[in-house]
Structures are given as C-alpha cells and as structure tokens.
Amino acid sequence: MIADAAGNLYGTTNGGGTSGQGTVFRLDPSGTLTVLYSFTGGNDASPWAGLIFDAAGNLYGTTEGGDGPGEVFQLTPSGTLNVLHNFTGRDGAIPHGGLIFDAAGNLYGTTHNGGASAAYGTVFQLTPSGALNVLHSFTGGSDGAYPEAGLIADMAGNLYGTTYGGGTGGQGAVFQLTPSGALNVLYSFTGGSDGGRPAADLIADAAGNLYGTTATGGATASCPGGCGTVFELGVPASFTGGRAGRNINTKTLVQRGPRMNRP
C-alpha cells in the first residue's frame, strides 16, 4: 500500500473487479473503498504488486497478464489507464514485483520469466520515452532465477533485489546490479538454517545493511521445507565484483506455512 498527503491508501487486487481480472483501488481515511480501475483481461490483467506515484499523482504498476506476458501501466488521476510497455517474452515476461523511479524519471523493475533465455527473468529499465532496456537476463545458474520481488536502489545508483531460485545453492539469491550493468551475487541461499526462496522486497538501513524474508528454510522443522526466515545481510559500501557480502544473520519465522513454488 502507498498513501497520499490526504491519508488515502492505494493498492491493487489480483482478482475481482468488473471483469474478474483485478483492480486498482483507493481507501480513504473514513474506510470508503473506491475502485479506480478494473482490469479487463489479456495483458491488462492480474496485478501482483503495489503501486508508486509520480509528482503529478499518476500511479504506476505492473500486471502479469491474463493471456499475455504482462505490462507496465500508468493510471492517471482521472482514471485513464495507459499501457507504457507490453512485454514480449524476450524482453521479459510476467512481472510480479513493483516499480521504482530514479531522478530522471526512469522506471526499474523485474520480470519473473522471459529474457534472453526466455525463461529465468530479467531486470529492466523503462525510460520516460517508452524504451525498455533489459539490464540483466538471469541464466538460472549462479546469478539466480525467477525474481519475484521488486528492486531498491542506493545513492550510487546500484540496484538490489532477490531471486526466488538459482544461486549457487539453487535456493535463490540476493544480488546487486551496478549502473554499468555488472551483476554481483551478494548471497546465495542454501535452503538450510539461512533460509531459501526469497520472494519479497528488500529494505535497507542507513548503514547499508539489507533486510528481507525467505519463504522456506530456517531452523524450525514444523513446516515442510522450513518455515522461512527474516534475514540481515551486511553489504560493504565499497562492494565490487568478486567480493562477498558479510555473513548473513537470520531469525526463524515459526508461524508461516509452506509456499507454492512457481515454475
């Protein structure tokens, strides 16, 4: 969810609406819910992630597509939906994560599938002119596979995110993508006590430590495959390719069931 200055909350639903394909909604401080847009089907369907604003009050998000590989959209304050990009597969497919802006107005995000391998997902940039640039196509190997979550950025323009699969342990990874396009794997999960299958966005503190969750693994055996973890990953400010992140610290979640794997 995101909020405006008046305290209204904005979000998405994956289903429902007039066509059963999901909605963008606003919830005001009094509890009144307004459907701002109902998705119709095809690429225009099934948002998984949240939204972001620009200075003019336009909302931006992604859909995974009903019969297609998904889109990036803008929803104006008047309720007009503009498709900024339709994914084709080679440039990415099925974006599950949200978007972020940079100071120049470029949008950044991930796709769960597609890319040069047509399978393992991408990190992309969408310029204000509508040009989509694939910044990295995952290979399914040590660099990771199937990113579920969106990205965060540091002041130097490095992007950080997670993959649900791949990495040296095959259980997902935390990565950094530099402005020059170099992808550095900061940590590969093993599926053991450190966790596995990260699917949610990262956050960072002022010292540059990264925090997130995993869907499986951890020290508790009460869930099939583990109940998941909350982790902290310390990343050196001077990180360059070939240097590993500091040790990962985890806390086990004990009230989380198994997550369905997505191919």
C-alpha atoms as a PDB file:
ATOM      1  CA  MET A   1       0.000   0.000   0.000  1.00  0.00           C
ATOM      2  CA  ILE A   2       1.019   3.616  -0.561  1.00  0.00           C
ATOM      3  CA  ALA A   3      -0.553   6.772   0.852  1.00  0.00           C
ATOM      4  CA  ASP A   4      -1.094  10.313  -0.408  1.00  0.00           C
ATOM      5  CA  ALA A   5      -0.879  13.522   1.604  1.00  0.00           C
ATOM      6  CA  ALA A   6      -4.578  13.323   2.470  1.00  0.00           C
ATOM      7  CA  GLY A   7      -4.198   9.885   4.031  1.00  0.00           C
ATOM      8  CA  ASN A   8      -5.815   7.914   1.219  1.00  0.00           C
ATOM      9  CA  LEU A   9      -4.357   4.439   0.659  1.00  0.00           C
ATOM     10  CA  TYR A  10      -3.823   2.933  -2.803  1.00  0.00           C
ATOM     11  CA  GLY A  11      -3.281  -0.686  -3.781  1.00  0.00           C
ATOM     12  CA  THR A  12      -4.127  -3.491  -6.181  1.00  0.00           C
ATOM     13  CA  THR A  13      -6.024  -6.773  -6.144  1.00  0.00           C
ATOM     14  CA  ASN A  14      -5.048  -9.788  -8.233  1.00  0.00           C
ATOM     15  CA  GLY A  15      -8.653 -10.767  -8.961  1.00  0.00           C
ATOM     16  CA  GLY A  16     -12.152  -9.362  -8.750  1.00  0.00           C
ATOM     17  CA  GLY A  17     -13.419  -6.168 -10.323  1.00  0.00           C
ATOM     18  CA  THR A  18     -15.974  -5.931 -13.100  1.00  0.00           C
ATOM     19  CA  SER A  19     -14.111  -8.448 -15.293  1.00  0.00           C
ATOM     20  CA  GLY A  20     -12.623 -10.612 -12.550  1.00  0.00           C
ATOM     21  CA  GLN A  21      -9.107  -9.592 -13.621  1.00  0.00           C
ATOM     22  CA  GLY A  22      -8.084  -7.406 -10.677  1.00  0.00           C
ATOM     23  CA  THR A  23      -8.357  -3.774  -9.674  1.00  0.00           C
ATOM     24  CA  VAL A  24      -6.602  -0.599  -8.573  1.00  0.00           C
ATOM     25  CA  PHE A  25      -8.364   0.828  -5.532  1.00  0.00           C
ATOM     26  CA  ARG A  26      -8.321   3.772  -3.131  1.00  0.00           C
ATOM     27  CA  LEU A  27      -9.292   3.503   0.548  1.00  0.00           C
ATOM     28  CA  ASP A  28      -9.994   6.851   2.212  1.00  0.00           C
ATOM     29  CA  PRO A  29      -9.456   7.602   5.924  1.00  0.00           C
ATOM     30  CA  SER A  30     -13.160   7.009   6.649  1.00  0.00           C
ATOM     31  CA  GLY A  31     -12.919   3.448   5.304  1.00  0.00           C
ATOM     32  CA  THR A  32     -14.678   4.037   1.968  1.00  0.00           C
ATOM     33  CA  LEU A  33     -13.189   1.956  -0.849  1.00  0.00           C
ATOM     34  CA  THR A  34     -13.280   3.248  -4.437  1.00  0.00           C
ATOM     35  CA  VAL A  35     -12.304   1.085  -7.409  1.00  0.00           C
ATOM     36  CA  LEU A  36     -10.225   3.358  -9.627  1.00  0.00           C
ATOM     37  CA  TYR A  37      -9.764   0.814 -12.418  1.00  0.00           C
ATOM     38  CA  SER A  38     -10.903  -2.728 -13.214  1.00  0.00           C
ATOM     39  CA  PHE A  39      -8.555  -4.697 -15.447  1.00  0.00           C
ATOM     40  CA  THR A  40     -10.160  -6.267 -18.468  1.00  0.00           C
ATOM     41  CA  GLY A  41      -8.093  -9.303 -19.487  1.00  0.00           C
ATOM     42  CA  GLY A  42      -5.252 -10.238 -21.835  1.00  0.00           C
ATOM     43  CA  ASN A  43      -2.104  -8.344 -20.897  1.00  0.00           C
ATOM     44  CA  ASP A  44      -4.369  -5.942 -18.993  1.00  0.00           C
ATOM     45  CA  ALA A  45      -4.898  -8.349 -16.102  1.00  0.00           C
ATOM     46  CA  SER A  46      -3.796  -9.643 -12.721  1.00  0.00           C
ATOM     47  CA  PRO A  47      -1.541  -7.158 -10.896  1.00  0.00           C
ATOM     48  CA  TRP A  48       0.553  -8.814  -8.180  1.00  0.00           C
ATOM     49  CA  ALA A  49       2.494  -5.847  -6.852  1.00  0.00           C
ATOM     50  CA  GLY A  50       1.779  -2.477  -5.302  1.00  0.00           C
ATOM     51  CA  LEU A  51       1.927   0.978  -6.849  1.00  0.00           C
ATOM     52  CA  ILE A  52       4.089   4.092  -6.922  1.00  0.00           C
ATOM     53  CA  PHE A  53       3.211   7.768  -7.504  1.00  0.00           C
ATOM     54  CA  ASP A  54       4.803  10.486  -9.585  1.00  0.00           C
ATOM     55  CA  ALA A  55       4.668  14.190  -8.688  1.00  0.00           C
ATOM     56  CA  ALA A  56       1.521  14.674 -10.793  1.00  0.00           C
ATOM     57  CA  GLY A  57      -0.391  11.970  -8.924  1.00  0.00           C
ATOM     58  CA  ASN A  58      -0.206   9.329 -11.647  1.00  0.00           C
ATOM     59  CA  LEU A  59       0.008   5.746 -10.391  1.00  0.00           C
ATOM     60  CA  TYR A  60       2.384   3.175 -11.897  1.00  0.00           C
ATOM     61  CA  GLY A  61       2.368  -0.592 -11.614  1.00  0.00           C
ATOM     62  CA  THR A  62       2.690  -3.933 -13.371  1.00  0.00           C
ATOM     63  CA  THR A  63       0.399  -6.774 -14.362  1.00  0.00           C
ATOM     64  CA  GLU A  64       1.388 -10.352 -15.069  1.00  0.00           C
ATOM     65  CA  GLY A  65      -1.154 -10.594 -17.873  1.00  0.00           C
ATOM     66  CA  GLY A  66      -4.058 -12.952 -18.275  1.00  0.00           C
ATOM     67  CA  ASP A  67      -3.337 -14.254 -21.793  1.00  0.00           C
ATOM     68  CA  GLY A  68      -0.051 -12.435 -22.345  1.00  0.00           C
ATOM     69  CA  PRO A  69       3.281 -11.874 -20.631  1.00  0.00           C
ATOM     70  CA  GLY A  70       2.310  -8.691 -18.783  1.00  0.00           C
ATOM     71  CA  GLU A  71       2.654  -4.947 -18.925  1.00  0.00           C
ATOM     72  CA  VAL A  72       3.809  -1.773 -17.201  1.00  0.00           C
ATOM     73  CA  PHE A  73       0.941   0.693 -16.784  1.00  0.00           C
ATOM     74  CA  GLN A  74       0.202   4.250 -15.735  1.00  0.00           C
ATOM     75  CA  LEU A  75      -3.156   5.190 -14.212  1.00  0.00           C
ATOM     76  CA  THR A  76      -3.934   8.923 -14.329  1.00  0.00           C
ATOM     77  CA  PRO A  77      -5.843  10.769 -11.580  1.00  0.00           C
ATOM     78  CA  SER A  78      -8.842  10.861 -13.943  1.00  0.00           C
ATOM     79  CA  GLY A  79      -8.860   7.048 -14.158  1.00  0.00           C
ATOM     80  CA  THR A  80      -7.347   6.587 -17.622  1.00  0.00           C
ATOM     81  CA  LEU A  81      -5.058   3.564 -17.915  1.00  0.00           C
ATOM     82  CA  ASN A  82      -2.103   3.956 -20.271  1.00  0.00           C
ATOM     83  CA  VAL A  83      -0.056   0.892 -21.159  1.00  0.00           C
ATOM     84  CA  LEU A  84       3.580   2.007 -21.132  1.00  0.00           C
ATOM     85  CA  HIS A  85       5.014  -1.331 -22.238  1.00  0.00           C
ATOM     86  CA  ASN A  86       3.711  -4.760 -23.237  1.00  0.00           C
ATOM     87  CA  PHE A  87       6.281  -7.477 -22.559  1.00  0.00           C
ATOM     88  CA  THR A  88       7.020  -9.868 -25.400  1.00  0.00           C
ATOM     89  CA  GLY A  89       8.960 -12.643 -23.660  1.00  0.00           C
ATOM     90  CA  ARG A  90      12.414 -11.876 -24.993  1.00  0.00           C
ATOM     91  CA  ASP A  91      12.369  -8.570 -23.102  1.00  0.00           C
ATOM     92  CA  GLY A  92      10.802 -10.167 -20.028  1.00  0.00           C
ATOM     93  CA  ALA A  93       7.543 -11.788 -19.018  1.00  0.00           C
ATOM     94  CA  ILE A  94       5.209 -11.958 -16.014  1.00  0.00           C
ATOM     95  CA  PRO A  95       6.340  -9.087 -13.773  1.00  0.00           C
ATOM     96  CA  HIS A  96       5.359  -9.943 -10.187  1.00  0.00           C
ATOM     97  CA  GLY A  97       7.265  -7.123  -8.493  1.00  0.00           C
ATOM     98  CA  GLY A  98       6.599  -3.416  -8.221  1.00  0.00           C
ATOM     99  CA  LEU A  99       8.469  -0.492  -9.738  1.00  0.00           C
ATOM    100  CA  ILE A 100      10.839   2.240  -8.580  1.00  0.00           C
ATOM    101  CA  PHE A 101      11.781   5.611 -10.119  1.00  0.00           C
ATOM    102  CA  ASP A 102      15.149   7.302 -10.454  1.00  0.00           C
ATOM    103  CA  ALA A 103      15.673  11.081 -10.504  1.00  0.00           C
ATOM    104  CA  ALA A 104      15.468  11.154 -14.304  1.00  0.00           C
ATOM    105  CA  GLY A 105      12.042   9.516 -14.358  1.00  0.00           C
ATOM    106  CA  ASN A 106      13.206   6.072 -15.488  1.00  0.00           C
ATOM    107  CA  LEU A 107      11.263   3.120 -14.090  1.00  0.00           C
ATOM    108  CA  TYR A 108      13.007  -0.063 -12.902  1.00  0.00           C
ATOM    109  CA  GLY A 109      11.609  -3.494 -12.143  1.00  0.00           C
ATOM    110  CA  THR A 110      11.930  -7.238 -12.596  1.00  0.00           C
ATOM    111  CA  THR A 111      10.133  -9.948 -14.516  1.00  0.00           C
ATOM    112  CA  HIS A 112       9.672 -13.479 -13.197  1.00  0.00           C
ATOM    113  CA  ASN A 113      10.248 -15.093 -16.606  1.00  0.00           C
ATOM    114  CA  GLY A 114      11.474 -14.174 -20.065  1.00  0.00           C
ATOM    115  CA  GLY A 115      14.720 -12.570 -21.090  1.00  0.00           C
ATOM    116  CA  ALA A 116      17.489 -13.773 -23.359  1.00  0.00           C
ATOM    117  CA  SER A 117      16.953 -17.349 -22.178  1.00  0.00           C
ATOM    118  CA  ALA A 118      13.155 -16.887 -22.465  1.00  0.00           C
ATOM    119  CA  ALA A 119      12.809 -18.489 -19.055  1.00  0.00           C
ATOM    120  CA  TYR A 120      14.593 -17.126 -15.999  1.00  0.00           C
ATOM    121  CA  GLY A 121      13.568 -13.465 -15.742  1.00  0.00           C
ATOM    122  CA  THR A 122      15.063 -10.015 -16.110  1.00  0.00           C
ATOM    123  CA  VAL A 123      15.895  -6.693 -14.531  1.00  0.00           C
ATOM    124  CA  PHE A 124      14.630  -3.880 -16.755  1.00  0.00           C
ATOM    125  CA  GLN A 125      14.619  -0.109 -17.173  1.00  0.00           C
ATOM    126  CA  LEU A 126      11.744   1.731 -18.855  1.00  0.00           C
ATOM    127  CA  THR A 127      12.613   5.266 -19.974  1.00  0.00           C
ATOM    128  CA  PRO A 128      10.165   8.209 -19.983  1.00  0.00           C
ATOM    129  CA  SER A 129      10.076   7.905 -23.797  1.00  0.00           C
ATOM    130  CA  GLY A 130       8.835   4.316 -23.521  1.00  0.00           C
ATOM    131  CA  ALA A 131      12.049   2.477 -24.442  1.00  0.00           C
ATOM    132  CA  LEU A 132      12.564  -0.729 -22.478  1.00  0.00           C
ATOM    133  CA  ASN A 133      16.149  -1.758 -21.766  1.00  0.00           C
ATOM    134  CA  VAL A 134      16.928  -5.217 -20.363  1.00  0.00           C
ATOM    135  CA  LEU A 135      19.682  -4.580 -17.830  1.00  0.00           C
ATOM    136  CA  HIS A 136      20.191  -8.254 -16.970  1.00  0.00           C
ATOM    137  CA  SER A 137      18.753 -11.559 -18.145  1.00  0.00           C
ATOM    138  CA  PHE A 138      19.078 -14.245 -15.496  1.00  0.00           C
ATOM    139  CA  THR A 139      20.564 -17.558 -16.636  1.00  0.00           C
ATOM    140  CA  GLY A 140      19.142 -19.865 -13.973  1.00  0.00           C
ATOM    141  CA  GLY A 141      22.633 -20.591 -12.677  1.00  0.00           C
ATOM    142  CA  SER A 142      24.739 -18.873 -10.045  1.00  0.00           C
ATOM    143  CA  ASP A 143      23.311 -15.451 -10.927  1.00  0.00           C
ATOM    144  CA  GLY A 144      19.805 -16.521  -9.900  1.00  0.00           C
ATOM    145  CA  ALA A 145      16.436 -17.241 -11.482  1.00  0.00           C
ATOM    146  CA  TYR A 146      12.792 -16.184 -11.279  1.00  0.00           C
ATOM    147  CA  PRO A 147      12.843 -12.850  -9.407  1.00  0.00           C
ATOM    148  CA  GLU A 148       9.531 -12.379  -7.599  1.00  0.00           C
ATOM    149  CA  ALA A 149      10.130  -9.058  -5.880  1.00  0.00           C
ATOM    150  CA  GLY A 150      10.917  -5.528  -6.984  1.00  0.00           C
ATOM    151  CA  LEU A 151      14.100  -3.533  -6.507  1.00  0.00           C
ATOM    152  CA  ILE A 152      15.614  -0.928  -4.232  1.00  0.00           C
ATOM    153  CA  ALA A 153      18.450   1.472  -5.105  1.00  0.00           C
ATOM    154  CA  ASP A 154      21.285   3.164  -3.242  1.00  0.00           C
ATOM    155  CA  MET A 155      22.581   6.698  -3.714  1.00  0.00           C
ATOM    156  CA  ALA A 156      25.212   5.497  -6.186  1.00  0.00           C
ATOM    157  CA  GLY A 157      22.568   4.046  -8.499  1.00  0.00           C
ATOM    158  CA  ASN A 158      23.175   0.384  -7.654  1.00  0.00           C
ATOM    159  CA  LEU A 159      20.044  -1.775  -7.733  1.00  0.00           C
ATOM    160  CA  TYR A 160      19.386  -4.559  -5.204  1.00  0.00           C
ATOM    161  CA  GLY A 161      16.925  -7.428  -5.356  1.00  0.00           C
ATOM    162  CA  THR A 162      16.323 -11.115  -4.834  1.00  0.00           C
ATOM    163  CA  THR A 163      15.671 -14.169  -6.965  1.00  0.00           C
ATOM    164  CA  TYR A 164      13.337 -16.982  -5.952  1.00  0.00           C
ATOM    165  CA  GLY A 165      15.567 -19.650  -7.498  1.00  0.00           C
ATOM    166  CA  GLY A 166      19.079 -20.129  -8.767  1.00  0.00           C
ATOM    167  CA  GLY A 167      22.218 -19.041  -6.979  1.00  0.00           C
ATOM    168  CA  THR A 168      24.999 -21.480  -6.118  1.00  0.00           C
ATOM    169  CA  GLY A 169      22.679 -23.284  -3.691  1.00  0.00           C
ATOM    170  CA  GLY A 170      19.700 -23.338  -6.039  1.00  0.00           C
ATOM    171  CA  GLN A 171      17.518 -21.709  -3.380  1.00  0.00           C
ATOM    172  CA  GLY A 172      17.622 -18.099  -4.503  1.00  0.00           C
ATOM    173  CA  ALA A 173      19.992 -15.181  -4.152  1.00  0.00           C
ATOM    174  CA  VAL A 174      20.421 -11.544  -3.159  1.00  0.00           C
ATOM    175  CA  PHE A 175      22.005  -9.523  -5.945  1.00  0.00           C
ATOM    176  CA  GLN A 176      23.417  -6.088  -6.722  1.00  0.00           C
ATOM    177  CA  LEU A 177      23.273  -4.650 -10.246  1.00  0.00           C
ATOM    178  CA  THR A 178      25.649  -1.763 -10.846  1.00  0.00           C
ATOM    179  CA  PRO A 179      24.958   1.210 -13.163  1.00  0.00           C
ATOM    180  CA  SER A 180      27.451  -0.312 -15.619  1.00  0.00           C
ATOM    181  CA  GLY A 181      25.362  -3.495 -15.822  1.00  0.00           C
ATOM    182  CA  ALA A 182      27.544  -5.803 -13.724  1.00  0.00           C
ATOM    183  CA  LEU A 183      25.518  -8.229 -11.606  1.00  0.00           C
ATOM    184  CA  ASN A 184      27.123  -9.235  -8.308  1.00  0.00           C
ATOM    185  CA  VAL A 185      25.610 -12.030  -6.234  1.00  0.00           C
ATOM    186  CA  LEU A 186      25.829 -10.880  -2.635  1.00  0.00           C
ATOM    187  CA  TYR A 187      24.463 -14.078  -1.117  1.00  0.00           C
ATOM    188  CA  SER A 188      23.195 -17.463  -2.311  1.00  0.00           C
ATOM    189  CA  PHE A 189      20.716 -19.216  -0.019  1.00  0.00           C
ATOM    190  CA  THR A 190      21.168 -22.894   0.789  1.00  0.00           C
ATOM    191  CA  GLY A 191      17.642 -23.751   1.949  1.00  0.00           C
ATOM    192  CA  GLY A 192      19.018 -24.671   5.375  1.00  0.00           C
ATOM    193  CA  SER A 193      19.135 -22.548   8.507  1.00  0.00           C
ATOM    194  CA  ASP A 194      19.807 -19.444   6.387  1.00  0.00           C
ATOM    195  CA  GLY A 195      16.506 -19.848   4.533  1.00  0.00           C
ATOM    196  CA  GLY A 196      15.557 -20.261   0.892  1.00  0.00           C
ATOM    197  CA  ARG A 197      13.253 -18.914  -1.828  1.00  0.00           C
ATOM    198  CA  PRO A 198      13.179 -15.157  -1.058  1.00  0.00           C
ATOM    199  CA  ALA A 199      10.072 -13.642  -2.631  1.00  0.00           C
ATOM    200  CA  ALA A 200       9.558 -10.228  -1.000  1.00  0.00           C
ATOM    201  CA  ASP A 201      11.143  -6.808  -1.458  1.00  0.00           C
ATOM    202  CA  LEU A 202      14.297  -5.854   0.418  1.00  0.00           C
ATOM    203  CA  ILE A 203      14.700  -2.839   2.651  1.00  0.00           C
ATOM    204  CA  ALA A 204      17.934  -1.142   3.751  1.00  0.00           C
ATOM    205  CA  ASP A 205      19.047   0.785   6.815  1.00  0.00           C
ATOM    206  CA  ALA A 206      21.263   3.873   6.917  1.00  0.00           C
ATOM    207  CA  ALA A 207      24.384   1.706   7.290  1.00  0.00           C
ATOM    208  CA  GLY A 208      23.652  -0.183   4.076  1.00  0.00           C
ATOM    209  CA  ASN A 209      22.527  -3.436   5.674  1.00  0.00           C
ATOM    210  CA  LEU A 210      19.832  -5.241   3.699  1.00  0.00           C
ATOM    211  CA  TYR A 211      16.816  -6.934   5.297  1.00  0.00           C
ATOM    212  CA  GLY A 212      14.320  -9.401   3.854  1.00  0.00           C
ATOM    213  CA  THR A 213      12.469 -12.678   4.256  1.00  0.00           C
ATOM    214  CA  THR A 214      12.590 -16.167   2.817  1.00  0.00           C
ATOM    215  CA  ALA A 215       9.640 -18.443   2.163  1.00  0.00           C
ATOM    216  CA  THR A 216      11.385 -21.675   3.178  1.00  0.00           C
ATOM    217  CA  GLY A 217      14.302 -22.912   5.249  1.00  0.00           C
ATOM    218  CA  GLY A 218      15.236 -21.832   8.741  1.00  0.00           C
ATOM    219  CA  ALA A 219      15.906 -23.758  11.901  1.00  0.00           C
ATOM    220  CA  THR A 220      12.297 -24.765  12.596  1.00  0.00           C
ATOM    221  CA  ALA A 221      11.107 -28.080  11.177  1.00  0.00           C
ATOM    222  CA  SER A 222       7.365 -27.662  11.851  1.00  0.00           C
ATOM    223  CA  CYS A 223       6.689 -26.655   8.206  1.00  0.00           C
ATOM    224  CA  PRO A 224       7.544 -28.763   5.132  1.00  0.00           C
ATOM    225  CA  GLY A 225      10.806 -27.361   3.812  1.00  0.00           C
ATOM    226  CA  GLY A 226      11.148 -24.996   6.770  1.00  0.00           C
ATOM    227  CA  CYS A 227       9.025 -22.087   7.950  1.00  0.00           C
ATOM    228  CA  GLY A 228      11.186 -19.321   6.496  1.00  0.00           C
ATOM    229  CA  THR A 229      13.489 -16.677   7.926  1.00  0.00           C
ATOM    230  CA  VAL A 230      13.949 -12.959   8.450  1.00  0.00           C
ATOM    231  CA  PHE A 231      17.500 -12.054   7.470  1.00  0.00           C
ATOM    232  CA  GLU A 232      20.015  -9.241   7.642  1.00  0.00           C
ATOM    233  CA  LEU A 233      22.767  -9.059   5.031  1.00  0.00           C
ATOM    234  CA  GLY A 234      25.616  -6.644   5.556  1.00  0.00           C
ATOM    235  CA  VAL A 235      26.907  -5.256   2.254  1.00  0.00           C
ATOM    236  CA  PRO A 236      30.215  -3.336   2.189  1.00  0.00           C
ATOM    237  CA  ALA A 237      29.753   0.199   0.853  1.00  0.00           C
ATOM    238  CA  SER A 238      32.766  -0.366  -1.395  1.00  0.00           C
ATOM    239  CA  PHE A 239      31.423  -3.646  -2.813  1.00  0.00           C
ATOM    240  CA  THR A 240      32.920  -4.570  -6.166  1.00  0.00           C
ATOM    241  CA  GLY A 241      32.622  -7.669  -8.306  1.00  0.00           C
ATOM    242  CA  GLY A 242      34.281 -10.703  -6.765  1.00  0.00           C
ATOM    243  CA  ARG A 243      33.877  -9.615  -3.138  1.00  0.00           C
ATOM    244  CA  ALA A 244      31.354 -11.416  -0.986  1.00  0.00           C
ATOM    245  CA  GLY A 245      28.887  -9.786   1.337  1.00  0.00           C
ATOM    246  CA  ARG A 246      29.313 -10.200   5.082  1.00  0.00           C
ATOM    247  CA  ASN A 247      27.783 -13.172   6.881  1.00  0.00           C
ATOM    248  CA  ILE A 248      24.027 -13.450   6.790  1.00  0.00           C
ATOM    249  CA  ASN A 249      22.150 -13.323  10.087  1.00  0.00           C
ATOM    250  CA  THR A 250      18.731 -14.966  10.256  1.00  0.00           C
ATOM    251  CA  LYS A 251      15.814 -15.364  12.619  1.00  0.00           C
ATOM    252  CA  THR A 252      13.380 -18.183  12.033  1.00  0.00           C
ATOM    253  CA  LEU A 253       9.702 -17.498  11.459  1.00  0.00           C
ATOM    254  CA  VAL A 254       7.593 -20.051  13.323  1.00  0.00           C
ATOM    255  CA  GLN A 255       4.125 -19.080  12.098  1.00  0.00           C
ATOM    256  CA  ARG A 256       4.458 -19.438   8.365  1.00  0.00           C
ATOM    257  CA  GLY A 257       3.220 -22.301   6.205  1.00  0.00           C
ATOM    258  CA  PRO A 258       4.763 -23.626   3.006  1.00  0.00           C
ATOM    259  CA  ARG A 259       4.665 -21.527  -0.140  1.00  0.00           C
ATOM    260  CA  MET A 260       3.610 -22.868  -3.517  1.00  0.00           C
ATOM    261  CA  ASN A 261       6.573 -22.962  -5.876  1.00  0.00           C
ATOM    262  CA  ARG A 262       6.050 -21.155  -9.162  1.00  0.00           C
ATOM    263  CA  PRO A 263       7.755 -22.632 -12.235  1.00  0.00           C
END
